[in-house]
């Protein structure tokens, strides 16, 4: 099955079809979703993020399977090992902290290049440092949420 057919059938084979899926995908109208998944429509297309969300909602992986077939690859289910479950939000936050750290290093390098620090350079550095602090605080909050959600409730 080609990719366009896989997308079409994923939507139309789902109970309730485009009507049931449009709202859950954040698409205003079932007609727009129908247009996006119609293999004969050239003006509207489903995005990659919508395709992923569609597969998550429906549990139907024909889109992924057709992509793999097109590319000569295979997709396999990962084993369900509780210890390996990752909080992708937490990982994304950590990567954002690392990105800000890189930004901070780049601004610092530029600032120090001529051996003096101007008021503008100090402001730029301050902005980057504050953005990094915001990312760190967000990371800390998410880590604490993970701890709270794993806490066992004891009954007295």
N, C-alpha and C. Protein backbone atom coordinates (compact mmCIF):
# COMPACT_ATOMS: atom_id res chain seq x y z
N UNK A 1 0.85 -1.17 0.00
CA UNK A 1 0.00 0.00 0.00
C UNK A 1 0.90 1.24 0.00
N UNK A 2 0.57 2.21 -0.85
CA UNK A 2 1.39 3.41 -0.88
C UNK A 2 1.01 4.33 0.29
N UNK A 3 1.85 5.32 0.54
CA UNK A 3 1.71 6.20 1.70
C UNK A 3 0.39 6.96 1.67
N UNK A 4 0.03 7.49 0.52
CA UNK A 4 -1.22 8.26 0.43
C UNK A 4 -2.44 7.39 0.71
N UNK A 5 -2.44 6.17 0.20
CA UNK A 5 -3.55 5.25 0.49
C UNK A 5 -3.58 4.88 1.97
N UNK A 6 -2.41 4.70 2.56
CA UNK A 6 -2.33 4.35 3.98
C UNK A 6 -2.94 5.45 4.84
N UNK A 7 -2.63 6.71 4.52
CA UNK A 7 -3.20 7.84 5.26
C UNK A 7 -4.71 7.86 5.10
N UNK A 8 -5.18 7.72 3.87
CA UNK A 8 -6.62 7.73 3.58
C UNK A 8 -7.34 6.64 4.38
N UNK A 9 -6.82 5.43 4.30
CA UNK A 9 -7.49 4.30 4.97
C UNK A 9 -7.39 4.38 6.49
N UNK A 10 -6.30 4.94 6.99
CA UNK A 10 -6.18 5.12 8.44
C UNK A 10 -7.32 6.00 8.95
N UNK A 11 -7.61 7.08 8.25
CA UNK A 11 -8.70 7.97 8.65
C UNK A 11 -10.06 7.32 8.44
N UNK A 12 -10.28 6.76 7.27
CA UNK A 12 -11.62 6.28 6.93
C UNK A 12 -11.97 4.92 7.55
N UNK A 13 -10.98 4.15 7.97
CA UNK A 13 -11.26 2.89 8.64
C UNK A 13 -11.47 3.07 10.14
N UNK A 14 -11.13 4.23 10.66
CA UNK A 14 -11.33 4.51 12.08
C UNK A 14 -12.82 4.70 12.35
N UNK A 15 -13.29 4.17 13.45
CA UNK A 15 -14.71 4.30 13.79
C UNK A 15 -15.07 5.79 13.91
N UNK A 16 -15.96 6.24 13.08
CA UNK A 16 -16.35 7.64 13.06
C UNK A 16 -15.61 8.43 12.00
N UNK A 17 -14.54 7.85 11.41
CA UNK A 17 -13.81 8.46 10.31
C UNK A 17 -13.29 9.86 10.59
N UNK A 18 -13.32 10.69 9.56
CA UNK A 18 -12.80 12.05 9.64
C UNK A 18 -13.55 12.88 10.67
N UNK A 19 -14.85 12.62 10.82
CA UNK A 19 -15.65 13.37 11.78
C UNK A 19 -15.12 13.16 13.20
N UNK A 20 -14.81 11.92 13.54
CA UNK A 20 -14.32 11.60 14.88
C UNK A 20 -12.88 12.06 15.09
N UNK A 21 -12.08 12.07 14.02
CA UNK A 21 -10.65 12.36 14.16
C UNK A 21 -10.28 13.83 14.02
N UNK A 22 -11.04 14.58 13.25
CA UNK A 22 -10.66 15.98 12.97
C UNK A 22 -10.42 16.78 14.23
N UNK A 23 -11.36 16.76 15.15
CA UNK A 23 -11.23 17.54 16.38
C UNK A 23 -10.03 17.07 17.19
N UNK A 24 -9.86 15.76 17.29
CA UNK A 24 -8.74 15.22 18.07
C UNK A 24 -7.38 15.56 17.46
N UNK A 25 -7.37 15.80 16.16
CA UNK A 25 -6.14 16.18 15.48
C UNK A 25 -5.91 17.69 15.48
N UNK A 26 -6.91 18.43 15.97
CA UNK A 26 -6.80 19.89 15.97
C UNK A 26 -7.11 20.50 14.62
N UNK A 27 -7.85 19.76 13.80
CA UNK A 27 -8.27 20.25 12.48
C UNK A 27 -9.73 20.68 12.61
N UNK A 28 -10.02 21.89 12.21
CA UNK A 28 -11.33 22.50 12.46
C UNK A 28 -12.51 21.77 11.87
N UNK A 29 -12.31 21.15 10.74
CA UNK A 29 -13.45 20.59 10.02
C UNK A 29 -13.12 19.20 9.48
N UNK A 30 -14.08 18.27 9.57
CA UNK A 30 -13.89 16.97 8.96
C UNK A 30 -13.65 17.08 7.45
N UNK A 31 -14.26 18.09 6.82
CA UNK A 31 -14.07 18.29 5.38
C UNK A 31 -12.60 18.60 5.06
N UNK A 32 -11.95 19.39 5.93
CA UNK A 32 -10.54 19.72 5.73
C UNK A 32 -9.69 18.45 5.88
N UNK A 33 -9.98 17.65 6.90
CA UNK A 33 -9.24 16.40 7.08
C UNK A 33 -9.47 15.48 5.88
N UNK A 34 -10.71 15.36 5.43
CA UNK A 34 -10.99 14.54 4.25
C UNK A 34 -10.18 15.01 3.04
N UNK A 35 -10.09 16.31 2.89
CA UNK A 35 -9.32 16.87 1.78
C UNK A 35 -7.83 16.56 1.93
N UNK A 36 -7.33 16.67 3.17
CA UNK A 36 -5.91 16.41 3.42
C UNK A 36 -5.51 14.96 3.14
N UNK A 37 -6.43 14.03 3.39
CA UNK A 37 -6.08 12.62 3.22
C UNK A 37 -6.53 12.05 1.87
N UNK A 38 -7.19 12.85 1.06
CA UNK A 38 -7.63 12.41 -0.25
C UNK A 38 -6.41 12.32 -1.17
N UNK A 39 -6.09 11.13 -1.67
CA UNK A 39 -4.91 10.97 -2.52
C UNK A 39 -4.97 11.79 -3.82
N UNK A 40 -6.17 12.22 -4.20
CA UNK A 40 -6.33 12.97 -5.44
C UNK A 40 -6.27 14.48 -5.25
N UNK A 41 -6.18 14.93 -3.99
CA UNK A 41 -6.13 16.36 -3.72
C UNK A 41 -4.68 16.82 -3.72
N UNK A 42 -4.42 17.90 -4.45
CA UNK A 42 -3.06 18.41 -4.53
C UNK A 42 -2.84 19.67 -3.72
N UNK A 43 -3.91 20.24 -3.16
CA UNK A 43 -3.78 21.52 -2.45
C UNK A 43 -3.64 21.37 -0.95
N UNK A 44 -4.16 20.32 -0.37
CA UNK A 44 -4.08 20.11 1.08
C UNK A 44 -3.33 18.80 1.33
N UNK A 45 -2.47 18.82 2.34
CA UNK A 45 -1.72 17.61 2.68
C UNK A 45 -1.62 17.50 4.20
N UNK A 46 -1.59 16.29 4.67
CA UNK A 46 -1.41 16.05 6.09
C UNK A 46 0.07 16.28 6.43
N UNK A 47 0.34 16.90 7.58
CA UNK A 47 1.74 17.13 7.98
C UNK A 47 2.29 15.88 8.65
N UNK A 48 3.59 15.85 8.82
CA UNK A 48 4.21 14.72 9.52
C UNK A 48 3.71 14.63 10.96
N UNK A 49 3.60 15.79 11.62
CA UNK A 49 3.12 15.78 13.00
C UNK A 49 1.68 15.27 13.08
N UNK A 50 0.85 15.65 12.11
CA UNK A 50 -0.52 15.14 12.07
C UNK A 50 -0.53 13.64 11.82
N UNK A 51 0.36 13.16 10.97
CA UNK A 51 0.44 11.72 10.70
C UNK A 51 0.83 10.94 11.96
N UNK A 52 1.78 11.47 12.70
CA UNK A 52 2.19 10.81 13.95
C UNK A 52 1.02 10.81 14.93
N UNK A 53 0.38 11.96 15.09
CA UNK A 53 -0.76 12.06 16.01
C UNK A 53 -1.88 11.11 15.57
N UNK A 54 -2.10 11.02 14.27
CA UNK A 54 -3.11 10.13 13.73
C UNK A 54 -2.83 8.68 14.10
N UNK A 55 -1.57 8.29 13.99
CA UNK A 55 -1.20 6.91 14.35
C UNK A 55 -1.36 6.67 15.84
N UNK A 56 -1.00 7.65 16.65
CA UNK A 56 -1.13 7.51 18.11
C UNK A 56 -2.61 7.37 18.49
N UNK A 57 -3.46 8.20 17.92
CA UNK A 57 -4.88 8.19 18.25
C UNK A 57 -5.55 6.90 17.79
N UNK A 58 -5.24 6.48 16.57
CA UNK A 58 -5.94 5.33 16.00
C UNK A 58 -5.30 3.99 16.36
N UNK A 59 -4.01 4.02 16.69
CA UNK A 59 -3.30 2.76 16.91
C UNK A 59 -3.06 2.01 15.60
N UNK A 60 -3.26 2.69 14.49
CA UNK A 60 -3.12 2.12 13.16
C UNK A 60 -1.78 2.61 12.58
N UNK A 61 -0.88 1.70 12.27
CA UNK A 61 0.47 2.06 11.85
C UNK A 61 0.73 1.80 10.38
N UNK A 62 -0.33 1.77 9.57
CA UNK A 62 -0.13 1.55 8.14
C UNK A 62 0.69 2.67 7.51
N UNK A 63 0.56 3.88 8.03
CA UNK A 63 1.36 4.99 7.49
C UNK A 63 2.84 4.72 7.71
N UNK A 64 3.19 4.34 8.93
CA UNK A 64 4.59 4.02 9.26
C UNK A 64 5.08 2.85 8.42
N UNK A 65 4.25 1.82 8.31
CA UNK A 65 4.65 0.64 7.55
C UNK A 65 4.86 0.97 6.08
N UNK A 66 4.01 1.84 5.53
CA UNK A 66 4.18 2.19 4.12
C UNK A 66 5.42 3.08 3.92
N UNK A 67 5.71 3.95 4.90
CA UNK A 67 6.95 4.74 4.84
C UNK A 67 8.17 3.82 4.86
N UNK A 68 8.15 2.86 5.76
CA UNK A 68 9.26 1.91 5.86
C UNK A 68 9.41 1.13 4.56
N UNK A 69 8.31 0.66 3.99
CA UNK A 69 8.37 -0.10 2.74
C UNK A 69 8.96 0.76 1.63
N UNK A 70 8.55 2.01 1.57
CA UNK A 70 9.05 2.94 0.55
C UNK A 70 10.57 3.13 0.67
N UNK A 71 11.06 3.12 1.91
CA UNK A 71 12.47 3.40 2.17
C UNK A 71 13.31 2.14 2.34
N UNK A 72 12.68 0.97 2.24
CA UNK A 72 13.40 -0.28 2.41
C UNK A 72 13.83 -0.52 3.84
N UNK A 73 13.00 -0.09 4.78
CA UNK A 73 13.29 -0.23 6.21
C UNK A 73 12.18 -1.03 6.86
N UNK A 74 12.38 -1.37 8.13
CA UNK A 74 11.33 -2.01 8.91
C UNK A 74 11.19 -1.28 10.24
N UNK A 75 10.01 -1.33 10.79
CA UNK A 75 9.75 -0.79 12.12
C UNK A 75 9.34 -1.95 13.00
N UNK A 76 9.89 -1.98 14.19
CA UNK A 76 9.52 -3.05 15.13
C UNK A 76 9.07 -2.41 16.43
N UNK A 77 8.21 -3.11 17.15
CA UNK A 77 7.78 -2.63 18.46
C UNK A 77 8.93 -2.80 19.44
N UNK A 78 9.15 -1.78 20.23
CA UNK A 78 10.15 -1.88 21.29
C UNK A 78 9.58 -2.73 22.41
N UNK A 79 10.43 -3.45 23.11
CA UNK A 79 9.92 -4.25 24.23
C UNK A 79 9.35 -3.34 25.32
N UNK A 80 8.34 -3.83 25.99
CA UNK A 80 7.71 -3.06 27.06
C UNK A 80 8.44 -3.35 28.36
N UNK A 81 9.49 -2.58 28.59
CA UNK A 81 10.30 -2.72 29.80
C UNK A 81 10.05 -1.48 30.65
N UNK A 82 9.35 -1.62 31.78
CA UNK A 82 9.01 -0.43 32.57
C UNK A 82 10.20 0.46 32.92
N UNK A 83 11.35 -0.13 33.17
CA UNK A 83 12.52 0.65 33.53
C UNK A 83 13.01 1.52 32.38
N UNK A 84 12.63 1.16 31.15
CA UNK A 84 13.13 1.90 30.00
C UNK A 84 12.15 2.97 29.53
N UNK A 85 11.01 3.08 30.18
CA UNK A 85 10.06 4.10 29.77
C UNK A 85 10.63 5.47 30.05
N UNK A 86 10.60 6.31 29.05
CA UNK A 86 11.20 7.63 29.19
C UNK A 86 10.13 8.70 29.10
N UNK A 87 10.33 9.73 29.85
CA UNK A 87 9.47 10.90 29.77
C UNK A 87 10.07 11.80 28.70
N UNK A 88 9.44 11.83 27.51
CA UNK A 88 10.01 12.61 26.42
C UNK A 88 10.01 14.10 26.73
N UNK A 89 9.06 14.55 27.54
CA UNK A 89 9.04 15.96 27.92
C UNK A 89 10.30 16.28 28.71
N UNK A 90 10.65 15.41 29.62
CA UNK A 90 11.84 15.59 30.44
C UNK A 90 13.09 15.61 29.56
N UNK A 91 13.16 14.70 28.61
CA UNK A 91 14.32 14.65 27.72
C UNK A 91 14.39 15.91 26.86
N UNK A 92 13.25 16.37 26.37
CA UNK A 92 13.22 17.59 25.56
C UNK A 92 13.68 18.79 26.37
N UNK A 93 13.24 18.87 27.62
CA UNK A 93 13.67 19.97 28.48
C UNK A 93 15.17 19.94 28.70
N UNK A 94 15.72 18.76 28.92
CA UNK A 94 17.16 18.65 29.13
C UNK A 94 17.92 19.08 27.87
N UNK A 95 17.42 18.70 26.71
CA UNK A 95 18.06 19.12 25.46
C UNK A 95 17.97 20.64 25.30
N UNK A 96 16.84 21.23 25.70
CA UNK A 96 16.71 22.69 25.64
C UNK A 96 17.74 23.38 26.54
N UNK A 97 17.98 22.80 27.71
CA UNK A 97 19.00 23.35 28.61
C UNK A 97 20.37 23.28 27.92
N UNK A 98 20.66 22.15 27.29
CA UNK A 98 21.94 22.01 26.59
C UNK A 98 22.06 23.00 25.43
N UNK A 99 20.96 23.23 24.73
CA UNK A 99 20.98 24.21 23.64
C UNK A 99 21.29 25.60 24.19
N UNK A 100 20.65 25.96 25.29
CA UNK A 100 20.89 27.28 25.90
C UNK A 100 22.33 27.38 26.39
N UNK A 101 22.86 26.26 26.90
CA UNK A 101 24.25 26.25 27.35
C UNK A 101 25.18 26.54 26.17
N UNK A 102 24.87 25.95 25.02
CA UNK A 102 25.65 26.22 23.81
C UNK A 102 25.52 27.67 23.38
N UNK A 103 24.28 28.21 23.45
CA UNK A 103 24.07 29.62 23.12
C UNK A 103 24.90 30.51 24.03
N UNK A 104 24.88 30.16 25.32
CA UNK A 104 25.61 30.94 26.32
C UNK A 104 27.11 30.92 26.00
N UNK A 105 27.63 29.76 25.66
CA UNK A 105 29.05 29.64 25.32
C UNK A 105 29.40 30.45 24.08
N UNK A 106 28.53 30.42 23.08
CA UNK A 106 28.76 31.18 21.86
C UNK A 106 28.78 32.67 22.11
N UNK A 107 27.81 33.17 22.90
CA UNK A 107 27.77 34.59 23.23
C UNK A 107 28.99 34.98 24.05
N UNK A 108 29.40 34.11 24.98
CA UNK A 108 30.57 34.37 25.81
C UNK A 108 31.82 34.47 24.93
N UNK A 109 31.96 33.55 23.99
CA UNK A 109 33.12 33.57 23.10
C UNK A 109 33.18 34.87 22.30
N UNK A 110 32.01 35.28 21.75
CA UNK A 110 31.96 36.54 21.00
C UNK A 110 32.29 37.73 21.90
N UNK A 111 31.74 37.71 23.10
CA UNK A 111 31.94 38.80 24.04
C UNK A 111 33.41 38.97 24.40
N UNK A 112 34.12 37.87 24.52
CA UNK A 112 35.51 37.90 24.95
C UNK A 112 36.51 38.03 23.80
N UNK A 113 36.01 37.98 22.57
CA UNK A 113 36.90 37.96 21.41
C UNK A 113 37.85 39.15 21.35
N UNK A 114 37.38 40.34 21.70
CA UNK A 114 38.24 41.52 21.61
C UNK A 114 38.84 41.93 22.95
N UNK A 115 38.62 41.13 23.97
CA UNK A 115 39.22 41.39 25.27
C UNK A 115 38.51 42.44 26.11
N UNK A 116 37.38 42.93 25.66
CA UNK A 116 36.63 43.89 26.47
C UNK A 116 35.14 43.56 26.36
N UNK A 117 34.36 44.00 27.34
CA UNK A 117 32.93 43.72 27.38
C UNK A 117 32.17 45.04 27.31
N UNK A 118 31.33 45.14 26.27
CA UNK A 118 30.51 46.35 26.12
C UNK A 118 29.19 46.17 26.86
N UNK A 119 28.47 47.28 27.03
CA UNK A 119 27.15 47.21 27.69
C UNK A 119 26.20 46.33 26.89
N UNK A 120 26.25 46.42 25.57
CA UNK A 120 25.39 45.59 24.71
C UNK A 120 25.71 44.11 24.85
N UNK A 121 27.01 43.80 24.91
CA UNK A 121 27.42 42.40 25.08
C UNK A 121 26.97 41.86 26.44
N UNK A 122 27.06 42.71 27.45
CA UNK A 122 26.62 42.30 28.79
C UNK A 122 25.11 42.03 28.79
N UNK A 123 24.33 42.89 28.09
CA UNK A 123 22.88 42.67 27.99
C UNK A 123 22.57 41.37 27.26
N UNK A 124 23.28 41.12 26.15
CA UNK A 124 23.08 39.88 25.39
C UNK A 124 23.36 38.66 26.26
N UNK A 125 24.47 38.73 27.02
CA UNK A 125 24.83 37.63 27.90
C UNK A 125 23.77 37.45 28.98
N UNK A 126 23.30 38.54 29.54
CA UNK A 126 22.27 38.49 30.58
C UNK A 126 21.00 37.83 30.06
N UNK A 127 20.62 38.18 28.84
CA UNK A 127 19.42 37.59 28.24
C UNK A 127 19.57 36.08 28.11
N UNK A 128 20.70 35.63 27.59
CA UNK A 128 20.95 34.19 27.42
C UNK A 128 20.98 33.49 28.77
N UNK A 129 21.63 34.08 29.76
CA UNK A 129 21.70 33.47 31.10
C UNK A 129 20.31 33.32 31.69
N UNK A 130 19.47 34.36 31.55
CA UNK A 130 18.11 34.28 32.08
C UNK A 130 17.28 33.23 31.36
N UNK A 131 17.46 33.11 30.05
CA UNK A 131 16.75 32.07 29.31
C UNK A 131 17.19 30.69 29.77
N UNK A 132 18.47 30.54 30.05
CA UNK A 132 18.99 29.26 30.52
C UNK A 132 18.43 28.95 31.91
N UNK A 133 18.35 29.96 32.76
CA UNK A 133 17.78 29.77 34.10
C UNK A 133 16.32 29.34 33.98
N UNK A 134 15.57 29.96 33.09
CA UNK A 134 14.17 29.58 32.88
C UNK A 134 14.07 28.12 32.47
N UNK A 135 14.94 27.68 31.56
CA UNK A 135 14.94 26.29 31.13
C UNK A 135 15.28 25.35 32.29
N UNK A 136 16.25 25.75 33.11
CA UNK A 136 16.64 24.93 34.26
C UNK A 136 15.50 24.82 35.28
N UNK A 137 14.81 25.92 35.53
CA UNK A 137 13.69 25.90 36.48
C UNK A 137 12.57 25.01 35.94
N UNK A 138 12.29 25.12 34.65
CA UNK A 138 11.27 24.27 34.04
C UNK A 138 11.67 22.80 34.15
N UNK A 139 12.94 22.51 33.90
CA UNK A 139 13.45 21.14 34.02
C UNK A 139 13.28 20.64 35.46
N UNK A 140 13.64 21.46 36.42
CA UNK A 140 13.51 21.07 37.82
C UNK A 140 12.05 20.77 38.18
N UNK A 141 11.14 21.61 37.74
CA UNK A 141 9.71 21.40 38.02
C UNK A 141 9.23 20.09 37.41
N UNK A 142 9.63 19.81 36.17
CA UNK A 142 9.21 18.57 35.51
C UNK A 142 9.78 17.35 36.22
N UNK A 143 11.02 17.44 36.67
CA UNK A 143 11.61 16.32 37.42
C UNK A 143 10.80 16.07 38.68
N UNK A 144 10.45 17.13 39.39
CA UNK A 144 9.65 16.98 40.61
C UNK A 144 8.26 16.42 40.31
N UNK A 145 7.67 16.79 39.17
CA UNK A 145 6.38 16.22 38.79
C UNK A 145 6.50 14.72 38.57
N UNK A 146 7.60 14.30 37.98
CA UNK A 146 7.81 12.87 37.74
C UNK A 146 7.92 12.12 39.06
N UNK A 147 8.59 12.70 40.02
CA UNK A 147 8.72 12.07 41.34
C UNK A 147 7.34 11.98 41.99
N UNK A 148 6.58 13.07 41.94
CA UNK A 148 5.25 13.08 42.55
C UNK A 148 4.33 12.07 41.90
N UNK A 149 4.41 11.91 40.59
CA UNK A 149 3.50 10.99 39.91
C UNK A 149 3.87 9.54 40.17
N UNK A 150 5.10 9.28 40.60
CA UNK A 150 5.52 7.91 40.90
C UNK A 150 5.38 7.56 42.37
N UNK A 151 5.01 8.54 43.18
CA UNK A 151 4.89 8.33 44.61
C UNK A 151 3.74 7.37 44.91
N UNK A 152 3.98 6.44 45.79
CA UNK A 152 2.91 5.53 46.19
C UNK A 152 2.02 6.20 47.22
N UNK A 153 0.73 5.94 47.11
CA UNK A 153 -0.22 6.48 48.08
C UNK A 153 -0.37 5.45 49.18
N UNK A 154 -0.19 5.89 50.42
CA UNK A 154 -0.36 4.97 51.54
C UNK A 154 -1.68 5.25 52.21
N UNK A 155 -2.37 4.23 52.55
CA UNK A 155 -3.67 4.35 53.22
C UNK A 155 -3.51 4.02 54.68
N UNK A 156 -4.12 4.83 55.52
CA UNK A 156 -4.02 4.62 56.96
C UNK A 156 -5.27 3.95 57.47
